[in-house]
């Protein structure tokens, strides 16, 4: 009985480690501003927030965390611009008003 408890505890610990590792892997693979609009729009809100946060860090050339308001505003802008881009492969850093009319 005692062995089963330790096995269960060990399994939970390994599972928690693997789950937290996924977040680190996702952060490492996150392309930030180079993420295509089509990829961004397919992401869940947490991944979109992570993508925009990295994008802001790339734009400001800093590793400090941007303010929540800055991330929220940028997410809304990227969402709106990516939703209407003529080319779904436009990176979020290049999404703009002209992209609505021209296939960039």
C-alpha atoms as a PDB file:
ATOM      1  CA  UNK A   1       0.000   0.000   0.000  1.00  0.00           C
ATOM      2  CA  UNK A   2       2.801   2.366   0.886  1.00  0.00           C
ATOM      3  CA  UNK A   3       4.563   1.671  -2.411  1.00  0.00           C
ATOM      4  CA  UNK A   4       1.413   2.579  -4.335  1.00  0.00           C
ATOM      5  CA  UNK A   5       1.211   5.934  -2.557  1.00  0.00           C
ATOM      6  CA  UNK A   6       4.810   6.788  -3.400  1.00  0.00           C
ATOM      7  CA  UNK A   7       4.260   5.690  -6.974  1.00  0.00           C
ATOM      8  CA  UNK A   8       1.227   7.967  -7.216  1.00  0.00           C
ATOM      9  CA  UNK A   9       3.145  10.885  -5.678  1.00  0.00           C
ATOM     10  CA  UNK A  10       6.048  10.318  -8.069  1.00  0.00           C
ATOM     11  CA  UNK A  11       3.687  10.154 -11.044  1.00  0.00           C
ATOM     12  CA  UNK A  12       2.056  13.439 -10.012  1.00  0.00           C
ATOM     13  CA  UNK A  13       5.443  15.099  -9.618  1.00  0.00           C
ATOM     14  CA  UNK A  14       6.584  13.926 -13.055  1.00  0.00           C
ATOM     15  CA  UNK A  15       3.297  15.062 -14.582  1.00  0.00           C
ATOM     16  CA  UNK A  16       3.583  18.514 -13.006  1.00  0.00           C
ATOM     17  CA  UNK A  17       7.165  18.823 -14.241  1.00  0.00           C
ATOM     18  CA  UNK A  18       6.178  17.877 -17.767  1.00  0.00           C
ATOM     19  CA  UNK A  19       3.286  20.334 -17.788  1.00  0.00           C
ATOM     20  CA  UNK A  20       5.445  23.204 -16.577  1.00  0.00           C
ATOM     21  CA  UNK A  21       8.072  22.238 -19.157  1.00  0.00           C
ATOM     22  CA  UNK A  22       5.525  22.633 -21.959  1.00  0.00           C
ATOM     23  CA  UNK A  23       5.144  26.279 -21.074  1.00  0.00           C
ATOM     24  CA  UNK A  24       8.900  26.776 -21.262  1.00  0.00           C
ATOM     25  CA  UNK A  25       9.016  25.007 -24.620  1.00  0.00           C
ATOM     26  CA  UNK A  26       6.125  27.107 -25.911  1.00  0.00           C
ATOM     27  CA  UNK A  27       7.916  30.279 -24.811  1.00  0.00           C
ATOM     28  CA  UNK A  28      11.115  29.183 -26.520  1.00  0.00           C
ATOM     29  CA  UNK A  29       9.328  28.362 -29.776  1.00  0.00           C
ATOM     30  CA  UNK A  30       7.208  31.514 -29.687  1.00  0.00           C
ATOM     31  CA  UNK A  31       8.117  33.699 -32.684  1.00  0.00           C
ATOM     32  CA  UNK A  32       6.727  36.931 -31.264  1.00  0.00           C
ATOM     33  CA  UNK A  33       6.403  39.518 -34.046  1.00  0.00           C
ATOM     34  CA  UNK A  34       7.276  36.945 -36.706  1.00  0.00           C
ATOM     35  CA  UNK A  35       4.124  34.954 -35.912  1.00  0.00           C
ATOM     36  CA  UNK A  36       1.839  34.884 -38.948  1.00  0.00           C
ATOM     37  CA  UNK A  37      -1.595  36.432 -38.542  1.00  0.00           C
ATOM     38  CA  UNK A  38      -3.213  33.085 -39.364  1.00  0.00           C
ATOM     39  CA  UNK A  39      -1.204  31.415 -36.584  1.00  0.00           C
ATOM     40  CA  UNK A  40      -1.979  34.216 -34.138  1.00  0.00           C
ATOM     41  CA  UNK A  41      -5.710  34.057 -34.776  1.00  0.00           C
ATOM     42  CA  UNK A  42      -5.661  30.271 -34.211  1.00  0.00           C
ATOM     43  CA  UNK A  43      -3.974  30.612 -30.802  1.00  0.00           C
ATOM     44  CA  UNK A  44      -5.895  30.545 -27.536  1.00  0.00           C
ATOM     45  CA  UNK A  45      -5.920  33.800 -25.518  1.00  0.00           C
ATOM     46  CA  UNK A  46      -3.058  32.714 -23.245  1.00  0.00           C
ATOM     47  CA  UNK A  47      -0.815  31.923 -26.221  1.00  0.00           C
ATOM     48  CA  UNK A  48      -1.821  35.189 -27.898  1.00  0.00           C
ATOM     49  CA  UNK A  49      -0.815  37.052 -24.739  1.00  0.00           C
ATOM     50  CA  UNK A  50       2.537  35.241 -24.689  1.00  0.00           C
ATOM     51  CA  UNK A  51       3.079  36.046 -28.394  1.00  0.00           C
ATOM     52  CA  UNK A  52       2.240  39.733 -27.973  1.00  0.00           C
ATOM     53  CA  UNK A  53       4.394  40.005 -24.843  1.00  0.00           C
ATOM     54  CA  UNK A  54       7.378  38.631 -26.770  1.00  0.00           C
ATOM     55  CA  UNK A  55       6.542  40.915 -29.716  1.00  0.00           C
ATOM     56  CA  UNK A  56       6.572  43.976 -27.445  1.00  0.00           C
ATOM     57  CA  UNK A  57       9.898  42.882 -25.932  1.00  0.00           C
ATOM     58  CA  UNK A  58      11.320  42.517 -29.452  1.00  0.00           C
ATOM     59  CA  UNK A  59      10.059  45.977 -30.442  1.00  0.00           C
ATOM     60  CA  UNK A  60      11.424  47.654 -27.307  1.00  0.00           C
ATOM     61  CA  UNK A  61      14.619  45.564 -27.344  1.00  0.00           C
ATOM     62  CA  UNK A  62      14.270  44.772 -23.654  1.00  0.00           C
ATOM     63  CA  UNK A  63      13.613  41.744 -21.475  1.00  0.00           C
ATOM     64  CA  UNK A  64      11.507  43.619 -18.939  1.00  0.00           C
ATOM     65  CA  UNK A  65       7.845  42.652 -18.817  1.00  0.00           C
ATOM     66  CA  UNK A  66       5.539  45.131 -20.563  1.00  0.00           C
ATOM     67  CA  UNK A  67       2.609  46.523 -18.605  1.00  0.00           C
ATOM     68  CA  UNK A  68      -0.667  44.629 -18.723  1.00  0.00           C
ATOM     69  CA  UNK A  69      -2.357  47.617 -20.347  1.00  0.00           C
ATOM     70  CA  UNK A  70       0.271  47.701 -23.082  1.00  0.00           C
ATOM     71  CA  UNK A  71      -0.202  43.985 -23.763  1.00  0.00           C
ATOM     72  CA  UNK A  72      -4.004  44.314 -23.752  1.00  0.00           C
ATOM     73  CA  UNK A  73      -3.944  47.260 -26.172  1.00  0.00           C
ATOM     74  CA  UNK A  74      -1.485  45.535 -28.516  1.00  0.00           C
ATOM     75  CA  UNK A  75      -3.506  42.304 -28.443  1.00  0.00           C
ATOM     76  CA  UNK A  76      -6.632  44.222 -29.452  1.00  0.00           C
ATOM     77  CA  UNK A  77      -4.763  45.982 -32.264  1.00  0.00           C
ATOM     78  CA  UNK A  78      -3.179  42.793 -33.585  1.00  0.00           C
ATOM     79  CA  UNK A  79      -6.508  40.967 -33.400  1.00  0.00           C
ATOM     80  CA  UNK A  80      -8.270  43.713 -35.362  1.00  0.00           C
ATOM     81  CA  UNK A  81      -5.543  44.101 -37.978  1.00  0.00           C
ATOM     82  CA  UNK A  82      -4.916  40.380 -38.468  1.00  0.00           C
ATOM     83  CA  UNK A  83      -8.627  39.733 -38.896  1.00  0.00           C
ATOM     84  CA  UNK A  84      -8.700  41.842 -42.062  1.00  0.00           C
ATOM     85  CA  UNK A  85      -5.273  41.349 -43.663  1.00  0.00           C
ATOM     86  CA  UNK A  86      -5.398  40.427 -47.342  1.00  0.00           C
ATOM     87  CA  UNK A  87      -2.528  37.986 -46.740  1.00  0.00           C
ATOM     88  CA  UNK A  88      -3.055  35.655 -43.774  1.00  0.00           C
ATOM     89  CA  UNK A  89       0.695  34.919 -43.793  1.00  0.00           C
ATOM     90  CA  UNK A  90       1.538  38.511 -42.857  1.00  0.00           C
ATOM     91  CA  UNK A  91       3.634  38.523 -39.662  1.00  0.00           C
ATOM     92  CA  UNK A  92       1.897  40.341 -36.818  1.00  0.00           C
ATOM     93  CA  UNK A  93       4.740  42.884 -36.734  1.00  0.00           C
ATOM     94  CA  UNK A  94       3.800  43.900 -40.318  1.00  0.00           C
ATOM     95  CA  UNK A  95       0.014  43.884 -39.933  1.00  0.00           C
ATOM     96  CA  UNK A  96      -1.253  47.365 -40.758  1.00  0.00           C
ATOM     97  CA  UNK A  97      -4.021  49.291 -42.508  1.00  0.00           C
ATOM     98  CA  UNK A  98      -2.344  48.972 -45.940  1.00  0.00           C
ATOM     99  CA  UNK A  99      -2.441  45.175 -45.557  1.00  0.00           C
ATOM    100  CA  UNK A 100      -6.219  45.322 -45.704  1.00  0.00           C
ATOM    101  CA  UNK A 101      -6.083  46.486 -49.316  1.00  0.00           C
ATOM    102  CA  UNK A 102      -2.770  45.075 -50.581  1.00  0.00           C
ATOM    103  CA  UNK A 103      -1.542  41.499 -50.413  1.00  0.00           C
ATOM    104  CA  UNK A 104       1.742  42.126 -48.571  1.00  0.00           C
END
